[in-house]
């Protein structure tokens, strides 16, 4: 299991397009990917969970990955959250 805390940079948070794109990225990995934010655990591979998760710009999110490609998944998901600004 791998963990990393990141800060959401997207001005719209992880709603609509940024949230959907995050789910598409998460689906490319075989590992389980969870987002811990605002006392909630969100499955990063479930579009409704991500979009309805109320993840806003400036929120601190802990990305947790577990599986065969967990390191790569953690790095790519964290990078996406930290650099997407749309």
N, C-alpha and C. Protein backbone atom coordinates (compact mmCIF):
# COMPACT_ATOMS: atom_id res chain seq x y z
N UNK A 1 0.84 -1.18 0.00
CA UNK A 1 0.00 0.00 0.00
C UNK A 1 0.89 1.24 0.00
N UNK A 2 0.48 2.23 -0.82
CA UNK A 2 1.19 3.50 -0.92
C UNK A 2 0.23 4.64 -0.60
N UNK A 3 0.76 5.73 -0.03
CA UNK A 3 -0.07 6.89 0.30
C UNK A 3 0.68 8.17 -0.01
N UNK A 4 -0.08 9.20 -0.40
CA UNK A 4 0.51 10.52 -0.61
C UNK A 4 -0.58 11.56 -0.46
N UNK A 5 -0.27 12.64 0.27
CA UNK A 5 -1.23 13.75 0.40
C UNK A 5 -0.91 14.80 -0.66
N UNK A 6 -1.96 15.26 -1.33
CA UNK A 6 -1.82 16.28 -2.36
C UNK A 6 -2.89 17.35 -2.16
N UNK A 7 -2.72 18.47 -2.83
CA UNK A 7 -3.69 19.56 -2.77
C UNK A 7 -4.31 19.73 -4.15
N UNK A 8 -5.64 19.81 -4.20
CA UNK A 8 -6.36 19.96 -5.46
C UNK A 8 -6.10 21.35 -6.03
N UNK A 9 -5.61 21.40 -7.26
CA UNK A 9 -5.29 22.68 -7.93
C UNK A 9 -6.39 23.14 -8.88
N UNK A 10 -7.21 22.23 -9.38
CA UNK A 10 -8.24 22.59 -10.34
C UNK A 10 -9.21 23.60 -9.73
N UNK A 11 -9.44 24.71 -10.44
CA UNK A 11 -10.33 25.76 -9.92
C UNK A 11 -11.75 25.26 -9.74
N UNK A 12 -12.13 24.22 -10.47
CA UNK A 12 -13.48 23.66 -10.31
C UNK A 12 -13.48 22.43 -9.40
N UNK A 13 -12.34 22.14 -8.79
CA UNK A 13 -12.25 20.94 -7.96
C UNK A 13 -12.27 19.70 -8.84
N UNK A 14 -12.65 18.58 -8.28
CA UNK A 14 -12.74 17.34 -9.06
C UNK A 14 -14.19 17.04 -9.39
N UNK A 15 -14.82 18.01 -10.04
CA UNK A 15 -16.19 17.87 -10.50
C UNK A 15 -16.17 17.77 -12.02
N UNK A 16 -17.26 17.37 -12.62
CA UNK A 16 -17.45 17.33 -14.07
C UNK A 16 -16.22 16.78 -14.81
N UNK A 17 -15.64 17.59 -15.70
CA UNK A 17 -14.56 17.10 -16.56
C UNK A 17 -13.33 16.64 -15.78
N UNK A 18 -12.79 17.44 -14.85
CA UNK A 18 -11.60 16.95 -14.13
C UNK A 18 -11.86 15.65 -13.37
N UNK A 19 -13.04 15.52 -12.79
CA UNK A 19 -13.38 14.29 -12.07
C UNK A 19 -13.50 13.09 -13.00
N UNK A 20 -14.14 13.31 -14.14
CA UNK A 20 -14.28 12.23 -15.13
C UNK A 20 -12.93 11.81 -15.68
N UNK A 21 -12.08 12.80 -15.95
CA UNK A 21 -10.74 12.48 -16.45
C UNK A 21 -9.91 11.73 -15.42
N UNK A 22 -10.08 12.06 -14.15
CA UNK A 22 -9.38 11.35 -13.08
C UNK A 22 -9.81 9.88 -13.06
N UNK A 23 -11.10 9.64 -13.18
CA UNK A 23 -11.62 8.26 -13.19
C UNK A 23 -11.06 7.50 -14.39
N UNK A 24 -11.04 8.13 -15.56
CA UNK A 24 -10.48 7.48 -16.75
C UNK A 24 -9.02 7.09 -16.51
N UNK A 25 -8.26 7.98 -15.90
CA UNK A 25 -6.86 7.69 -15.59
C UNK A 25 -6.77 6.54 -14.59
N UNK A 26 -7.58 6.58 -13.54
CA UNK A 26 -7.55 5.53 -12.51
C UNK A 26 -7.87 4.16 -13.10
N UNK A 27 -8.76 4.13 -14.09
CA UNK A 27 -9.16 2.86 -14.69
C UNK A 27 -8.03 2.21 -15.49
N UNK A 28 -6.97 2.95 -15.79
CA UNK A 28 -5.85 2.36 -16.54
C UNK A 28 -4.95 1.52 -15.65
N UNK A 29 -5.18 1.54 -14.34
CA UNK A 29 -4.36 0.78 -13.39
C UNK A 29 -5.16 -0.37 -12.80
N UNK A 30 -4.47 -1.45 -12.48
CA UNK A 30 -5.15 -2.59 -11.87
C UNK A 30 -5.29 -2.43 -10.36
N UNK A 31 -4.50 -1.57 -9.76
CA UNK A 31 -4.54 -1.36 -8.30
C UNK A 31 -5.85 -0.70 -7.86
N UNK A 32 -6.22 -0.94 -6.61
CA UNK A 32 -7.31 -0.21 -6.00
C UNK A 32 -6.80 1.20 -5.71
N UNK A 33 -7.62 2.20 -5.98
CA UNK A 33 -7.23 3.59 -5.76
C UNK A 33 -8.34 4.28 -5.00
N UNK A 34 -7.99 4.79 -3.83
CA UNK A 34 -8.95 5.50 -2.98
C UNK A 34 -8.48 6.94 -2.78
N UNK A 35 -9.43 7.83 -2.62
CA UNK A 35 -9.16 9.22 -2.27
C UNK A 35 -9.77 9.46 -0.90
N UNK A 36 -8.97 9.91 0.04
CA UNK A 36 -9.46 10.23 1.38
C UNK A 36 -9.52 11.74 1.48
N UNK A 37 -10.75 12.27 1.66
CA UNK A 37 -10.94 13.72 1.72
C UNK A 37 -12.19 14.03 2.53
N UNK A 38 -12.10 15.07 3.34
CA UNK A 38 -13.25 15.51 4.13
C UNK A 38 -13.91 14.36 4.89
N UNK A 39 -13.10 13.52 5.53
CA UNK A 39 -13.59 12.37 6.30
C UNK A 39 -14.36 11.35 5.46
N UNK A 40 -14.11 11.32 4.16
CA UNK A 40 -14.76 10.35 3.27
C UNK A 40 -13.71 9.54 2.54
N UNK A 41 -14.07 8.30 2.22
CA UNK A 41 -13.24 7.45 1.37
C UNK A 41 -13.96 7.29 0.04
N UNK A 42 -13.28 7.70 -1.04
CA UNK A 42 -13.90 7.71 -2.36
C UNK A 42 -13.13 6.76 -3.26
N UNK A 43 -13.85 5.90 -3.96
CA UNK A 43 -13.25 4.99 -4.94
C UNK A 43 -12.95 5.81 -6.19
N UNK A 44 -11.68 5.96 -6.55
CA UNK A 44 -11.28 6.79 -7.68
C UNK A 44 -11.68 6.19 -9.03
N UNK A 45 -12.21 4.97 -9.03
CA UNK A 45 -12.64 4.33 -10.28
C UNK A 45 -14.15 4.42 -10.49
N UNK A 46 -14.84 5.12 -9.60
CA UNK A 46 -16.29 5.27 -9.69
C UNK A 46 -16.62 6.74 -9.94
N UNK A 47 -17.06 7.04 -11.15
CA UNK A 47 -17.26 8.43 -11.55
C UNK A 47 -18.26 9.16 -10.64
N UNK A 48 -19.34 8.52 -10.27
CA UNK A 48 -20.32 9.19 -9.41
C UNK A 48 -19.75 9.49 -8.03
N UNK A 49 -18.96 8.58 -7.49
CA UNK A 49 -18.34 8.83 -6.18
C UNK A 49 -17.40 10.03 -6.25
N UNK A 50 -16.59 10.11 -7.32
CA UNK A 50 -15.64 11.21 -7.44
C UNK A 50 -16.37 12.53 -7.63
N UNK A 51 -17.32 12.57 -8.56
CA UNK A 51 -18.02 13.82 -8.84
C UNK A 51 -18.87 14.26 -7.66
N UNK A 52 -19.51 13.32 -6.97
CA UNK A 52 -20.37 13.66 -5.83
C UNK A 52 -19.57 13.80 -4.53
N UNK A 53 -18.25 13.59 -4.60
CA UNK A 53 -17.42 13.63 -3.41
C UNK A 53 -17.17 15.02 -2.86
N UNK A 54 -17.63 16.05 -3.58
CA UNK A 54 -17.48 17.43 -3.12
C UNK A 54 -16.01 17.77 -2.86
N UNK A 55 -15.15 17.43 -3.82
CA UNK A 55 -13.72 17.70 -3.72
C UNK A 55 -13.45 19.03 -4.41
N UNK A 56 -13.05 20.03 -3.65
CA UNK A 56 -12.92 21.39 -4.16
C UNK A 56 -11.47 21.84 -4.26
N UNK A 57 -11.26 22.93 -4.99
CA UNK A 57 -9.94 23.53 -5.11
C UNK A 57 -9.40 23.84 -3.72
N UNK A 58 -8.16 23.47 -3.48
CA UNK A 58 -7.53 23.71 -2.19
C UNK A 58 -7.70 22.60 -1.17
N UNK A 59 -8.58 21.64 -1.44
CA UNK A 59 -8.76 20.52 -0.52
C UNK A 59 -7.49 19.65 -0.47
N UNK A 60 -7.21 19.15 0.71
CA UNK A 60 -6.13 18.18 0.89
C UNK A 60 -6.72 16.79 0.68
N UNK A 61 -6.11 16.03 -0.21
CA UNK A 61 -6.58 14.69 -0.56
C UNK A 61 -5.44 13.71 -0.32
N UNK A 62 -5.73 12.63 0.37
CA UNK A 62 -4.76 11.55 0.50
C UNK A 62 -5.10 10.49 -0.52
N UNK A 63 -4.16 10.22 -1.42
CA UNK A 63 -4.33 9.18 -2.43
C UNK A 63 -3.74 7.90 -1.85
N UNK A 64 -4.53 6.82 -1.87
CA UNK A 64 -4.08 5.53 -1.34
C UNK A 64 -4.23 4.50 -2.46
N UNK A 65 -3.12 3.83 -2.77
CA UNK A 65 -3.15 2.80 -3.80
C UNK A 65 -2.70 1.47 -3.22
N UNK A 66 -3.25 0.40 -3.77
CA UNK A 66 -2.90 -0.94 -3.29
C UNK A 66 -3.04 -1.92 -4.45
N UNK A 67 -1.93 -2.55 -4.82
CA UNK A 67 -1.98 -3.53 -5.90
C UNK A 67 -0.65 -3.64 -6.61
N UNK A 68 -0.67 -4.34 -7.74
CA UNK A 68 0.56 -4.65 -8.45
C UNK A 68 1.25 -3.43 -9.05
N UNK A 69 0.48 -2.41 -9.43
CA UNK A 69 1.07 -1.21 -10.02
C UNK A 69 0.83 0.01 -9.13
N UNK A 70 0.83 -0.21 -7.81
CA UNK A 70 0.46 0.84 -6.87
C UNK A 70 1.38 2.06 -6.90
N UNK A 71 2.66 1.88 -7.11
CA UNK A 71 3.59 3.01 -7.11
C UNK A 71 3.33 3.91 -8.32
N UNK A 72 3.22 3.30 -9.49
CA UNK A 72 2.94 4.07 -10.70
C UNK A 72 1.57 4.74 -10.60
N UNK A 73 0.58 4.01 -10.10
CA UNK A 73 -0.76 4.58 -9.95
C UNK A 73 -0.74 5.78 -9.01
N UNK A 74 -0.06 5.65 -7.89
CA UNK A 74 0.03 6.75 -6.93
C UNK A 74 0.67 7.97 -7.57
N UNK A 75 1.78 7.77 -8.26
CA UNK A 75 2.48 8.89 -8.87
C UNK A 75 1.63 9.60 -9.92
N UNK A 76 0.97 8.85 -10.78
CA UNK A 76 0.17 9.44 -11.86
C UNK A 76 -1.09 10.14 -11.33
N UNK A 77 -1.77 9.51 -10.39
CA UNK A 77 -2.99 10.13 -9.83
C UNK A 77 -2.63 11.38 -9.05
N UNK A 78 -1.59 11.31 -8.23
CA UNK A 78 -1.15 12.49 -7.46
C UNK A 78 -0.75 13.62 -8.39
N UNK A 79 0.00 13.29 -9.44
CA UNK A 79 0.43 14.30 -10.41
C UNK A 79 -0.78 14.95 -11.07
N UNK A 80 -1.77 14.15 -11.44
CA UNK A 80 -2.97 14.69 -12.08
C UNK A 80 -3.68 15.67 -11.14
N UNK A 81 -3.86 15.29 -9.91
CA UNK A 81 -4.56 16.16 -8.94
C UNK A 81 -3.79 17.45 -8.71
N UNK A 82 -2.48 17.34 -8.63
CA UNK A 82 -1.65 18.52 -8.32
C UNK A 82 -1.44 19.45 -9.50
N UNK A 83 -1.60 18.96 -10.73
CA UNK A 83 -1.27 19.81 -11.87
C UNK A 83 -2.45 20.23 -12.73
N UNK A 84 -3.59 19.58 -12.61
CA UNK A 84 -4.75 19.95 -13.41
C UNK A 84 -5.34 21.24 -12.83
N UNK A 85 -5.45 22.27 -13.68
CA UNK A 85 -5.93 23.56 -13.20
C UNK A 85 -7.17 24.06 -13.93
N UNK A 86 -7.78 23.23 -14.78
CA UNK A 86 -8.94 23.70 -15.57
C UNK A 86 -10.13 24.05 -14.72
